[in-house]
Amino acid sequence: MRISVWQKLTFLVFIIVLLSGCAKPNEPSIHGALSIERFIETGGYVRDVSVSDSLIFIAEDQAGFSIYNYLNNNFVCIVDSLWNTPLGNVRKILVAENKEFLFVYDRYGSPASINIYDIADISEPECVFRIQSSSGNVECIYSYANSGGGITLNWTNNDSEGNTINFRESNDDWYTGIAYNFQNAVSEFDLTENHFIIAAQQLGIHIVERITGEVICTMDTPGEALDVKIVDSYVFVALREAGFAVFDISDEEAPELVYLEDVDEHIYTVDCEDDYLVLGSHAGGVYLYDISNPADPKFLGNIDNDIIGYTYEAEIYNGRIFAATRQGVYLLNID
């Protein structure tokens, strides 16, 4: 019996479909220069981490927060209440540069608040102040040593009271502060000597005077700007659905787009150290790039969420990557 050309084509299409059905395009993968050193199981989803030379400060959402010594491999403390009231949803955490204070943002507490802990004794953090104004929807917390010998705390929030960057200082015992207001939502930011570089979500990035709060310029981006990190005269921007971008800010009042990459997954967070760029992609895990030439990043590796879990944040510190995921904290090595 002779087989017609049409029958041959039909059979060929059947074989292709069959083989495609056997393939696993979404199979979990560890690609390139990344490997898992350790997994730290937590009581809640890890929404954020802050890292020091030996400690990981872990925001565990509905389970409160914890402090883990990753050199000794043990939890130093676990805190699930504030003044005998349960912490609602711990979404942000940051240890101050001087290691004296820990800032813990409880988004759905009673009410929402940024809680300032004295961590002289890390086994028993003591809450010394609660910031309850402009704390309804905090996107970023940031601190640094100020000229008065204390610590300045900045944070962004977007709620019914407005879209702001806020200031409080330990020099004033955290009581008083100021705020810069913006017309639209603002998210994460980083600082140069004179300016805030702000991820302004759908507007792109703002360059803002640190002293006056004046918006010097706004640069449109192809996606939704969610996070920024400054390295020398470059700023790396997480653009959600559009991947990530690099801007040259040699002239801080006129940034220039020098690189744009549409990554396979949405990109939500960026962090940098030395020649490495780390991207946090919720459903895509962690991406690693070589930025020895900041204007031309080179892809080095990826660990996807099927292995480490849905990833909220990825931070690089002393050559290790700390991934905050729904499963817990993963310590990743750069091979």
C-alpha atoms as a PDB file:
ATOM      1  CA  MET A   1       0.000   0.000   0.000  1.00  0.00           C
ATOM      2  CA  ARG A   2       1.378   3.351  -0.972  1.00  0.00           C
ATOM      3  CA  ILE A   3       1.410   6.115   1.634  1.00  0.00           C
ATOM      4  CA  SER A   4       0.416   9.538   0.371  1.00  0.00           C
ATOM      5  CA  VAL A   5       2.425  12.674   1.033  1.00  0.00           C
ATOM      6  CA  TRP A   6      -0.433  13.936   3.198  1.00  0.00           C
ATOM      7  CA  GLN A   7      -0.343  10.779   5.333  1.00  0.00           C
ATOM      8  CA  LYS A   8       3.434  11.104   5.734  1.00  0.00           C
ATOM      9  CA  LEU A   9       3.070  14.712   6.887  1.00  0.00           C
ATOM     10  CA  THR A  10       0.309  13.771   9.321  1.00  0.00           C
ATOM     11  CA  PHE A  11       2.497  11.005  10.785  1.00  0.00           C
ATOM     12  CA  LEU A  12       5.454  13.405  11.096  1.00  0.00           C
ATOM     13  CA  VAL A  13       3.330  15.981  12.942  1.00  0.00           C
ATOM     14  CA  PHE A  14       2.129  13.218  15.305  1.00  0.00           C
ATOM     15  CA  ILE A  15       5.712  12.206  16.115  1.00  0.00           C
ATOM     16  CA  ILE A  16       6.718  15.848  16.778  1.00  0.00           C
ATOM     17  CA  VAL A  17       3.729  16.354  19.114  1.00  0.00           C
ATOM     18  CA  LEU A  18       4.520  13.093  20.915  1.00  0.00           C
ATOM     19  CA  LEU A  19       8.144  14.056  21.458  1.00  0.00           C
ATOM     20  CA  SER A  20       7.144  17.538  22.631  1.00  0.00           C
ATOM     21  CA  GLY A  21       4.820  15.981  25.185  1.00  0.00           C
ATOM     22  CA  CYS A  22       7.738  13.993  26.595  1.00  0.00           C
ATOM     23  CA  ALA A  23       9.960  17.066  26.916  1.00  0.00           C
ATOM     24  CA  LYS A  24      10.149  19.004  30.188  1.00  0.00           C
ATOM     25  CA  PRO A  25      10.733  22.656  29.304  1.00  0.00           C
ATOM     26  CA  ASN A  26       9.944  23.720  32.877  1.00  0.00           C
ATOM     27  CA  GLU A  27      12.137  21.141  34.575  1.00  0.00           C
ATOM     28  CA  PRO A  28      13.940  22.608  37.610  1.00  0.00           C
ATOM     29  CA  SER A  29      17.411  23.793  36.706  1.00  0.00           C
ATOM     30  CA  ILE A  30      20.632  25.037  38.248  1.00  0.00           C
ATOM     31  CA  HIS A  31      22.390  26.779  35.417  1.00  0.00           C
ATOM     32  CA  GLY A  32      25.940  28.076  35.377  1.00  0.00           C
ATOM     33  CA  ALA A  33      28.028  29.498  38.194  1.00  0.00           C
ATOM     34  CA  LEU A  34      25.647  28.980  41.143  1.00  0.00           C
ATOM     35  CA  SER A  35      25.321  26.211  43.720  1.00  0.00           C
ATOM     36  CA  ILE A  36      23.414  25.714  46.983  1.00  0.00           C
ATOM     37  CA  GLU A  37      25.571  25.874  50.108  1.00  0.00           C
ATOM     38  CA  ARG A  38      22.836  25.643  52.723  1.00  0.00           C
ATOM     39  CA  PHE A  39      19.102  25.856  53.361  1.00  0.00           C
ATOM     40  CA  ILE A  40      17.646  27.497  56.489  1.00  0.00           C
ATOM     41  CA  GLU A  41      14.083  26.423  57.212  1.00  0.00           C
ATOM     42  CA  THR A  42      11.852  29.124  58.698  1.00  0.00           C
ATOM     43  CA  GLY A  43       8.407  29.301  60.256  1.00  0.00           C
ATOM     44  CA  GLY A  44       6.994  31.714  57.663  1.00  0.00           C
ATOM     45  CA  TYR A  45       7.526  32.958  54.145  1.00  0.00           C
ATOM     46  CA  VAL A  46      10.815  34.891  54.040  1.00  0.00           C
ATOM     47  CA  ARG A  47       9.850  38.262  52.586  1.00  0.00           C
ATOM     48  CA  ASP A  48      13.179  40.029  53.187  1.00  0.00           C
ATOM     49  CA  VAL A  49      16.661  39.542  54.642  1.00  0.00           C
ATOM     50  CA  SER A  50      19.423  41.816  55.922  1.00  0.00           C
ATOM     51  CA  VAL A  51      22.918  40.387  56.331  1.00  0.00           C
ATOM     52  CA  SER A  52      25.970  41.211  58.451  1.00  0.00           C
ATOM     53  CA  ASP A  53      29.343  39.459  58.883  1.00  0.00           C
ATOM     54  CA  SER A  54      27.823  36.538  60.793  1.00  0.00           C
ATOM     55  CA  LEU A  55      24.077  37.124  61.066  1.00  0.00           C
ATOM     56  CA  ILE A  56      21.005  36.973  58.853  1.00  0.00           C
ATOM     57  CA  PHE A  57      18.046  39.099  59.979  1.00  0.00           C
ATOM     58  CA  ILE A  58      14.971  37.403  58.536  1.00  0.00           C
ATOM     59  CA  ALA A  59      11.500  38.871  57.924  1.00  0.00           C
ATOM     60  CA  GLU A  60       9.162  35.866  58.217  1.00  0.00           C
ATOM     61  CA  ASP A  61       5.838  37.473  57.287  1.00  0.00           C
ATOM     62  CA  GLN A  62       3.118  36.112  59.620  1.00  0.00           C
ATOM     63  CA  ALA A  63       5.699  34.290  61.771  1.00  0.00           C
ATOM     64  CA  GLY A  64       7.460  37.503  62.904  1.00  0.00           C
ATOM     65  CA  PHE A  65      11.217  37.796  62.465  1.00  0.00           C
ATOM     66  CA  SER A  66      14.304  35.863  63.429  1.00  0.00           C
ATOM     67  CA  ILE A  67      18.077  36.239  63.687  1.00  0.00           C
ATOM     68  CA  TYR A  68      20.265  33.403  62.449  1.00  0.00           C
ATOM     69  CA  ASN A  69      24.027  32.959  62.875  1.00  0.00           C
ATOM     70  CA  TYR A  70      25.128  31.472  59.550  1.00  0.00           C
ATOM     71  CA  LEU A  71      28.679  30.864  60.779  1.00  0.00           C
ATOM     72  CA  ASN A  72      27.529  28.764  63.765  1.00  0.00           C
ATOM     73  CA  ASN A  73      24.397  27.458  62.008  1.00  0.00           C
ATOM     74  CA  ASN A  74      21.881  28.297  64.700  1.00  0.00           C
ATOM     75  CA  PHE A  75      18.985  30.661  65.399  1.00  0.00           C
ATOM     76  CA  VAL A  76      19.974  33.362  67.876  1.00  0.00           C
ATOM     77  CA  CYS A  77      16.371  34.402  68.491  1.00  0.00           C
ATOM     78  CA  ILE A  78      12.847  34.259  67.087  1.00  0.00           C
ATOM     79  CA  VAL A  79      10.474  37.188  67.744  1.00  0.00           C
ATOM     80  CA  ASP A  80       6.766  36.808  66.963  1.00  0.00           C
ATOM     81  CA  SER A  81       5.238  39.574  69.072  1.00  0.00           C
ATOM     82  CA  LEU A  82       5.613  43.262  69.825  1.00  0.00           C
ATOM     83  CA  TRP A  83       4.781  44.365  73.355  1.00  0.00           C
ATOM     84  CA  ASN A  84       2.706  41.188  73.762  1.00  0.00           C
ATOM     85  CA  THR A  85       0.839  41.903  70.522  1.00  0.00           C
ATOM     86  CA  PRO A  86       1.438  39.492  67.599  1.00  0.00           C
ATOM     87  CA  LEU A  87       3.431  40.879  64.709  1.00  0.00           C
ATOM     88  CA  GLY A  88       0.993  40.816  61.786  1.00  0.00           C
ATOM     89  CA  ASN A  89       3.037  40.566  58.613  1.00  0.00           C
ATOM     90  CA  VAL A  90       6.754  41.387  58.741  1.00  0.00           C
ATOM     91  CA  ARG A  91       7.597  42.458  55.195  1.00  0.00           C
ATOM     92  CA  LYS A  92      10.844  44.462  55.511  1.00  0.00           C
ATOM     93  CA  ILE A  93      13.877  44.171  57.777  1.00  0.00           C
ATOM     94  CA  LEU A  94      17.142  46.113  57.959  1.00  0.00           C
ATOM     95  CA  VAL A  95      20.070  46.144  60.362  1.00  0.00           C
ATOM     96  CA  ALA A  96      21.672  49.564  60.839  1.00  0.00           C
ATOM     97  CA  GLU A  97      25.237  50.165  59.701  1.00  0.00           C
ATOM     98  CA  ASN A  98      26.424  50.487  63.316  1.00  0.00           C
ATOM     99  CA  LYS A  99      24.664  47.177  64.229  1.00  0.00           C
ATOM    100  CA  GLU A 100      22.959  48.922  67.180  1.00  0.00           C
ATOM    101  CA  PHE A 101      19.463  49.087  65.689  1.00  0.00           C
ATOM    102  CA  LEU A 102      17.200  46.756  63.763  1.00  0.00           C
ATOM    103  CA  PHE A 103      14.299  48.156  61.730  1.00  0.00           C
ATOM    104  CA  VAL A 104      11.322  45.816  61.305  1.00  0.00           C
ATOM    105  CA  TYR A 105       8.327  46.755  59.164  1.00  0.00           C
ATOM    106  CA  ASP A 106       5.026  45.135  60.167  1.00  0.00           C
ATOM    107  CA  ARG A 107       2.637  45.851  57.310  1.00  0.00           C
ATOM    108  CA  TYR A 108      -0.618  44.583  58.793  1.00  0.00           C
ATOM    109  CA  GLY A 109       0.044  45.165  62.463  1.00  0.00           C
ATOM    110  CA  SER A 110      -2.280  47.079  64.788  1.00  0.00           C
ATOM    111  CA  PRO A 111      -1.554  49.506  63.232  1.00  0.00           C
ATOM    112  CA  ALA A 112       1.094  49.087  60.529  1.00  0.00           C
ATOM    113  CA  SER A 113       4.430  50.317  61.858  1.00  0.00           C
ATOM    114  CA  ILE A 114       8.199  50.449  61.503  1.00  0.00           C
ATOM    115  CA  ASN A 115       9.491  49.013  64.770  1.00  0.00           C
ATOM    116  CA  ILE A 116      12.950  50.035  65.955  1.00  0.00           C
ATOM    117  CA  TYR A 117      14.775  47.463  68.062  1.00  0.00           C
ATOM    118  CA  ASP A 118      17.894  47.914  70.169  1.00  0.00           C
ATOM    119  CA  ILE A 119      20.011  44.840  69.395  1.00  0.00           C
ATOM    120  CA  ALA A 120      22.850  45.335  71.865  1.00  0.00           C
ATOM    121  CA  ASP A 121      21.783  41.877  73.023  1.00  0.00           C
ATOM    122  CA  ILE A 122      20.859  40.080  69.811  1.00  0.00           C
ATOM    123  CA  SER A 123      19.329  37.197  71.728  1.00  0.00           C
ATOM    124  CA  GLU A 124      16.718  39.577  73.189  1.00  0.00           C
ATOM    125  CA  PRO A 125      15.973  42.522  70.851  1.00  0.00           C
ATOM    126  CA  GLU A 126      14.252  45.367  72.696  1.00  0.00           C
ATOM    127  CA  CYS A 127      11.701  47.509  70.869  1.00  0.00           C
ATOM    128  CA  VAL A 128      12.520  51.141  71.716  1.00  0.00           C
ATOM    129  CA  PHE A 129      10.231  53.004  69.302  1.00  0.00           C
ATOM    130  CA  ARG A 130       7.331  52.457  66.895  1.00  0.00           C
ATOM    131  CA  ILE A 131       6.842  54.709  63.849  1.00  0.00           C
ATOM    132  CA  GLN A 132       3.117  54.621  63.064  1.00  0.00           C
ATOM    133  CA  SER A 133       2.786  57.561  60.682  1.00  0.00           C
ATOM    134  CA  SER A 134       3.370  57.227  56.940  1.00  0.00           C
ATOM    135  CA  SER A 135       3.681  53.479  57.430  1.00  0.00           C
ATOM    136  CA  GLY A 136       0.634  52.151  55.612  1.00  0.00           C
ATOM    137  CA  ASN A 137       2.386  50.691  52.582  1.00  0.00           C
ATOM    138  CA  VAL A 138       6.157  50.801  53.004  1.00  0.00           C
ATOM    139  CA  GLU A 139       8.121  49.795  49.896  1.00  0.00           C
ATOM    140  CA  CYS A 140      11.688  50.372  51.101  1.00  0.00           C
ATOM    141  CA  ILE A 141      13.656  51.068  54.293  1.00  0.00           C
ATOM    142  CA  TYR A 142      17.199  52.447  54.201  1.00  0.00           C
ATOM    143  CA  SER A 143      19.587  53.679  56.906  1.00  0.00           C
ATOM    144  CA  TYR A 144      23.033  55.250  57.126  1.00  0.00           C
ATOM    145  CA  ALA A 145      25.331  57.048  59.559  1.00  0.00           C
ATOM    146  CA  ASN A 146      24.727  60.801  59.636  1.00  0.00           C
ATOM    147  CA  SER A 147      27.045  63.731  60.294  1.00  0.00           C
ATOM    148  CA  GLY A 148      25.710  64.108  63.846  1.00  0.00           C
ATOM    149  CA  GLY A 149      27.045  60.717  64.873  1.00  0.00           C
ATOM    150  CA  GLY A 150      23.672  58.998  64.779  1.00  0.00           C
ATOM    151  CA  ILE A 151      21.631  56.938  62.330  1.00  0.00           C
ATOM    152  CA  THR A 152      19.257  58.335  59.715  1.00  0.00           C
ATOM    153  CA  LEU A 153      16.330  56.174  58.663  1.00  0.00           C
ATOM    154  CA  ASN A 154      14.626  56.736  55.310  1.00  0.00           C
ATOM    155  CA  TRP A 155      11.627  54.860  53.987  1.00  0.00           C
ATOM    156  CA  THR A 156       9.176  55.138  51.110  1.00  0.00           C
ATOM    157  CA  ASN A 157       5.456  54.622  51.474  1.00  0.00           C
ATOM    158  CA  ASN A 158       2.448  54.856  49.198  1.00  0.00           C
ATOM    159  CA  ASP A 159      -0.959  55.128  50.840  1.00  0.00           C
ATOM    160  CA  SER A 160      -3.969  57.413  51.223  1.00  0.00           C
ATOM    161  CA  GLU A 161      -1.736  60.000  52.936  1.00  0.00           C
ATOM    162  CA  GLY A 162       0.490  60.294  49.864  1.00  0.00           C
ATOM    163  CA  ASN A 163       3.599  58.969  48.161  1.00  0.00           C
ATOM    164  CA  THR A 164       6.638  59.945  50.203  1.00  0.00           C
ATOM    165  CA  ILE A 165      10.230  59.490  51.256  1.00  0.00           C
ATOM    166  CA  ASN A 166      10.375  59.900  55.037  1.00  0.00           C
ATOM    167  CA  PHE A 167      13.189  60.803  57.461  1.00  0.00           C
ATOM    168  CA  ARG A 168      13.774  59.991  61.137  1.00  0.00           C
ATOM    169  CA  GLU A 169      17.022  60.119  63.141  1.00  0.00           C
ATOM    170  CA  SER A 170      18.358  58.469  66.272  1.00  0.00           C
ATOM    171  CA  ASN A 171      19.779  61.903  67.186  1.00  0.00           C
ATOM    172  CA  ASP A 172      16.162  62.977  67.851  1.00  0.00           C
ATOM    173  CA  ASP A 173      15.263  59.683  69.564  1.00  0.00           C
ATOM    174  CA  TRP A 174      13.233  58.896  66.389  1.00  0.00           C
ATOM    175  CA  TYR A 175      10.390  61.253  67.414  1.00  0.00           C
ATOM    176  CA  THR A 176      10.377  63.931  64.725  1.00  0.00           C
ATOM    177  CA  GLY A 177      11.006  63.866  61.007  1.00  0.00           C
ATOM    178  CA  ILE A 178      10.215  65.249  57.590  1.00  0.00           C
ATOM    179  CA  ALA A 179       8.874  63.836  54.335  1.00  0.00           C
ATOM    180  CA  TYR A 180       9.265  64.580  50.635  1.00  0.00           C
ATOM    181  CA  ASN A 181       6.045  64.134  48.670  1.00  0.00           C
ATOM    182  CA  PHE A 182       5.665  62.813  45.124  1.00  0.00           C
ATOM    183  CA  GLN A 183       2.737  62.830  42.744  1.00  0.00           C
ATOM    184  CA  ASN A 184       2.915  59.108  41.968  1.00  0.00           C
ATOM    185  CA  ALA A 185       4.038  55.901  43.686  1.00  0.00           C
ATOM    186  CA  VAL A 186       7.702  55.450  44.633  1.00  0.00           C
ATOM    187  CA  SER A 187       9.452  52.207  45.501  1.00  0.00           C
ATOM    188  CA  GLU A 188      13.068  51.254  46.311  1.00  0.00           C
ATOM    189  CA  PHE A 189      15.906  53.796  46.122  1.00  0.00           C
ATOM    190  CA  ASP A 190      19.640  54.253  46.496  1.00  0.00           C
ATOM    191  CA  LEU A 191      21.770  57.294  47.311  1.00  0.00           C
ATOM    192  CA  THR A 192      24.606  59.258  45.815  1.00  0.00           C
ATOM    193  CA  GLU A 193      26.296  62.109  47.668  1.00  0.00           C
ATOM    194  CA  ASN A 194      23.742  64.629  46.437  1.00  0.00           C
ATOM    195  CA  HIS A 195      20.739  62.683  45.143  1.00  0.00           C
ATOM    196  CA  PHE A 196      18.180  59.986  45.729  1.00  0.00           C
ATOM    197  CA  ILE A 197      17.890  57.638  42.745  1.00  0.00           C
ATOM    198  CA  ILE A 198      14.315  56.381  43.055  1.00  0.00           C
ATOM    199  CA  ALA A 199      12.476  53.550  41.336  1.00  0.00           C
ATOM    200  CA  ALA A 200       9.213  55.350  40.550  1.00  0.00           C
ATOM    201  CA  GLN A 201       7.331  52.315  39.277  1.00  0.00           C
ATOM    202  CA  GLN A 202       5.359  53.149  36.104  1.00  0.00           C
ATOM    203  CA  LEU A 203       7.078  56.535  35.700  1.00  0.00           C
ATOM    204  CA  GLY A 204      10.624  55.092  35.512  1.00  0.00           C
ATOM    205  CA  ILE A 205      13.325  56.552  37.770  1.00  0.00           C
ATOM    206  CA  HIS A 206      13.460  59.909  39.575  1.00  0.00           C
ATOM    207  CA  ILE A 207      16.633  61.838  40.374  1.00  0.00           C
ATOM    208  CA  VAL A 208      15.847  63.828  43.534  1.00  0.00           C
ATOM    209  CA  GLU A 209      17.881  66.378  45.504  1.00  0.00           C
ATOM    210  CA  ARG A 210      18.664  64.969  48.948  1.00  0.00           C
ATOM    211  CA  ILE A 211      18.581  68.367  50.657  1.00  0.00           C
ATOM    212  CA  THR A 212      15.407  69.824  49.107  1.00  0.00           C
ATOM    213  CA  GLY A 213      13.422  66.851  47.761  1.00  0.00           C
ATOM    214  CA  GLU A 214      13.217  68.524  44.330  1.00  0.00           C
ATOM    215  CA  VAL A 215      12.815  66.143  41.390  1.00  0.00           C
ATOM    216  CA  ILE A 216      15.705  67.038  39.062  1.00  0.00           C
ATOM    217  CA  CYS A 217      14.647  64.707  36.262  1.00  0.00           C
ATOM    218  CA  THR A 218      12.596  61.618  35.506  1.00  0.00           C
ATOM    219  CA  MET A 219      13.825  58.958  33.097  1.00  0.00           C
ATOM    220  CA  ASP A 220      11.190  56.801  31.434  1.00  0.00           C
ATOM    221  CA  THR A 221      11.872  53.060  31.438  1.00  0.00           C
ATOM    222  CA  PRO A 222      10.372  50.319  29.250  1.00  0.00           C
ATOM    223  CA  GLY A 223       8.937  48.458  32.245  1.00  0.00           C
ATOM    224  CA  GLU A 224       7.847  49.154  35.809  1.00  0.00           C
ATOM    225  CA  ALA A 225      10.865  50.341  37.829  1.00  0.00           C
ATOM    226  CA  LEU A 226      10.823  48.509  41.179  1.00  0.00           C
ATOM    227  CA  ASP A 227      14.389  48.524  42.524  1.00  0.00           C
ATOM    228  CA  VAL A 228      17.692  50.317  41.925  1.00  0.00           C
ATOM    229  CA  LYS A 229      21.310  49.821  42.956  1.00  0.00           C
ATOM    230  CA  ILE A 230      24.198  52.214  42.315  1.00  0.00           C
ATOM    231  CA  VAL A 231      27.686  51.014  41.382  1.00  0.00           C
ATOM    232  CA  ASP A 232      30.196  53.802  40.757  1.00  0.00           C
ATOM    233  CA  SER A 233      28.641  55.933  37.993  1.00  0.00           C
ATOM    234  CA  TYR A 234      26.028  53.354  36.967  1.00  0.00           C
ATOM    235  CA  VAL A 235      22.602  52.471  38.293  1.00  0.00           C
ATOM    236  CA  PHE A 236      21.024  49.041  37.803  1.00  0.00           C
ATOM    237  CA  VAL A 237      17.229  49.013  37.619  1.00  0.00           C
ATOM    238  CA  ALA A 238      14.782  46.094  38.058  1.00  0.00           C
ATOM    239  CA  LEU A 239      12.047  46.591  35.464  1.00  0.00           C
ATOM    240  CA  ARG A 240       9.626  43.806  36.309  1.00  0.00           C
ATOM    241  CA  GLU A 241       8.186  42.575  32.965  1.00  0.00           C
ATOM    242  CA  ALA A 242      10.942  44.313  30.943  1.00  0.00           C
ATOM    243  CA  GLY A 243      13.899  42.646  32.715  1.00  0.00           C
ATOM    244  CA  PHE A 244      16.582  45.046  33.890  1.00  0.00           C
ATOM    245  CA  ALA A 245      18.432  48.117  32.659  1.00  0.00           C
ATOM    246  CA  VAL A 246      21.689  49.959  33.272  1.00  0.00           C
ATOM    247  CA  PHE A 247      21.896  53.751  33.269  1.00  0.00           C
ATOM    248  CA  ASP A 248      25.092  55.803  33.147  1.00  0.00           C
ATOM    249  CA  ILE A 249      24.711  58.536  35.787  1.00  0.00           C
ATOM    250  CA  SER A 250      28.057  60.264  35.256  1.00  0.00           C
ATOM    251  CA  ASP A 251      25.835  63.305  34.812  1.00  0.00           C
ATOM    252  CA  GLU A 252      23.319  62.661  37.587  1.00  0.00           C
ATOM    253  CA  GLU A 253      20.934  65.224  36.195  1.00  0.00           C
ATOM    254  CA  ALA A 254      20.797  63.509  32.787  1.00  0.00           C
ATOM    255  CA  PRO A 255      21.088  59.688  33.088  1.00  0.00           C
ATOM    256  CA  GLU A 256      21.749  57.745  29.894  1.00  0.00           C
ATOM    257  CA  LEU A 257      20.392  54.261  29.174  1.00  0.00           C
ATOM    258  CA  VAL A 258      23.364  52.079  28.181  1.00  0.00           C
ATOM    259  CA  TYR A 259      21.989  48.527  28.539  1.00  0.00           C
ATOM    260  CA  LEU A 260      18.624  46.764  28.550  1.00  0.00           C
ATOM    261  CA  GLU A 261      17.917  43.029  28.801  1.00  0.00           C
ATOM    262  CA  ASP A 262      14.543  41.312  28.668  1.00  0.00           C
ATOM    263  CA  VAL A 263      15.076  38.368  31.038  1.00  0.00           C
ATOM    264  CA  ASP A 264      12.864  35.268  30.688  1.00  0.00           C
ATOM    265  CA  GLU A 265      11.112  36.059  33.991  1.00  0.00           C
ATOM    266  CA  HIS A 266       9.925  39.237  35.705  1.00  0.00           C
ATOM    267  CA  ILE A 267      12.669  40.977  37.709  1.00  0.00           C
ATOM    268  CA  TYR A 268      11.777  42.555  41.055  1.00  0.00           C
ATOM    269  CA  THR A 269      15.026  43.153  42.967  1.00  0.00           C
ATOM    270  CA  VAL A 270      18.649  44.011  42.206  1.00  0.00           C
ATOM    271  CA  ASP A 271      21.776  43.848  44.348  1.00  0.00           C
ATOM    272  CA  CYS A 272      25.468  44.289  43.540  1.00  0.00           C
ATOM    273  CA  GLU A 273      28.853  43.522  45.060  1.00  0.00           C
ATOM    274  CA  ASP A 274      32.261  43.801  43.385  1.00  0.00           C
ATOM    275  CA  ASP A 275      31.843  42.414  39.846  1.00  0.00           C
ATOM    276  CA  TYR A 276      28.506  40.679  40.464  1.00  0.00           C
ATOM    277  CA  LEU A 277      24.889  41.632  39.848  1.00  0.00           C
ATOM    278  CA  VAL A 278      22.164  39.507  41.494  1.00  0.00           C
ATOM    279  CA  LEU A 279      18.551  39.667  40.338  1.00  0.00           C
ATOM    280  CA  GLY A 280      15.562  38.413  42.335  1.00  0.00           C
ATOM    281  CA  SER A 281      12.743  37.062  40.181  1.00  0.00           C
ATOM    282  CA  HIS A 282       9.717  35.846  42.136  1.00  0.00           C
ATOM    283  CA  ALA A 283       8.793  32.940  39.861  1.00  0.00           C
ATOM    284  CA  GLY A 284      12.233  32.766  38.255  1.00  0.00           C
ATOM    285  CA  GLY A 285      14.455  32.376  41.312  1.00  0.00           C
ATOM    286  CA  VAL A 286      17.879  34.049  41.236  1.00  0.00           C
ATOM    287  CA  TYR A 287      19.934  35.317  38.293  1.00  0.00           C
ATOM    288  CA  LEU A 288      23.660  36.128  38.407  1.00  0.00           C
ATOM    289  CA  TYR A 289      25.590  38.444  36.061  1.00  0.00           C
ATOM    290  CA  ASP A 290      29.196  39.555  35.688  1.00  0.00           C
ATOM    291  CA  ILE A 291      29.352  43.368  35.720  1.00  0.00           C
ATOM    292  CA  SER A 292      33.107  43.841  35.489  1.00  0.00           C
ATOM    293  CA  ASN A 293      32.008  46.042  32.598  1.00  0.00           C
ATOM    294  CA  PRO A 294      28.852  47.622  34.114  1.00  0.00           C
ATOM    295  CA  ALA A 295      27.629  48.812  30.726  1.00  0.00           C
ATOM    296  CA  ASP A 296      27.691  45.268  29.333  1.00  0.00           C
ATOM    297  CA  PRO A 297      26.561  42.633  31.900  1.00  0.00           C
ATOM    298  CA  LYS A 298      27.277  38.965  31.113  1.00  0.00           C
ATOM    299  CA  PHE A 299      24.931  36.193  32.261  1.00  0.00           C
ATOM    300  CA  LEU A 300      26.626  33.665  34.580  1.00  0.00           C
ATOM    301  CA  GLY A 301      23.884  31.502  36.038  1.00  0.00           C
ATOM    302  CA  ASN A 302      20.372  30.974  37.400  1.00  0.00           C
ATOM    303  CA  ILE A 303      18.679  28.831  40.055  1.00  0.00           C
ATOM    304  CA  ASP A 304      14.951  28.712  39.429  1.00  0.00           C
ATOM    305  CA  ASN A 305      12.036  28.714  41.838  1.00  0.00           C
ATOM    306  CA  ASP A 306      11.260  25.015  41.383  1.00  0.00           C
ATOM    307  CA  ILE A 307      14.448  24.362  43.361  1.00  0.00           C
ATOM    308  CA  ILE A 308      14.613  27.198  45.900  1.00  0.00           C
ATOM    309  CA  GLY A 309      10.997  28.330  45.970  1.00  0.00           C
ATOM    310  CA  TYR A 310       9.210  31.547  45.072  1.00  0.00           C
ATOM    311  CA  THR A 311      11.894  34.196  45.603  1.00  0.00           C
ATOM    312  CA  TYR A 312      11.069  37.564  47.140  1.00  0.00           C
ATOM    313  CA  GLU A 313      14.588  38.955  47.541  1.00  0.00           C
ATOM    314  CA  ALA A 314      18.192  38.103  46.687  1.00  0.00           C
ATOM    315  CA  GLU A 315      21.075  39.855  48.456  1.00  0.00           C
ATOM    316  CA  ILE A 316      24.806  39.400  47.903  1.00  0.00           C
ATOM    317  CA  TYR A 317      27.214  39.815  50.832  1.00  0.00           C
ATOM    318  CA  ASN A 318      30.883  38.820  51.070  1.00  0.00           C
ATOM    319  CA  GLY A 319      30.628  36.661  47.971  1.00  0.00           C
ATOM    320  CA  ARG A 320      27.541  34.701  49.085  1.00  0.00           C
ATOM    321  CA  ILE A 321      24.000  35.141  47.823  1.00  0.00           C
ATOM    322  CA  PHE A 322      21.165  35.054  50.375  1.00  0.00           C
ATOM    323  CA  ALA A 323      17.809  34.229  48.772  1.00  0.00           C
ATOM    324  CA  ALA A 324      14.590  35.003  50.658  1.00  0.00           C
ATOM    325  CA  THR A 325      11.977  32.477  49.533  1.00  0.00           C
ATOM    326  CA  ARG A 326       8.686  30.911  50.555  1.00  0.00           C
ATOM    327  CA  GLN A 327      10.594  27.820  51.634  1.00  0.00           C
ATOM    328  CA  GLY A 328      13.117  29.677  53.809  1.00  0.00           C
ATOM    329  CA  VAL A 329      16.564  31.189  53.251  1.00  0.00           C
ATOM    330  CA  TYR A 330      18.987  29.691  50.752  1.00  0.00           C
ATOM    331  CA  LEU A 331      22.713  30.471  50.902  1.00  0.00           C
ATOM    332  CA  LEU A 332      24.121  30.244  47.388  1.00  0.00           C
ATOM    333  CA  ASN A 333      27.747  30.023  46.344  1.00  0.00           C
ATOM    334  CA  ILE A 334      29.254  31.572  43.241  1.00  0.00           C
ATOM    335  CA  ASP A 335      31.338  28.806  41.700  1.00  0.00           C
END
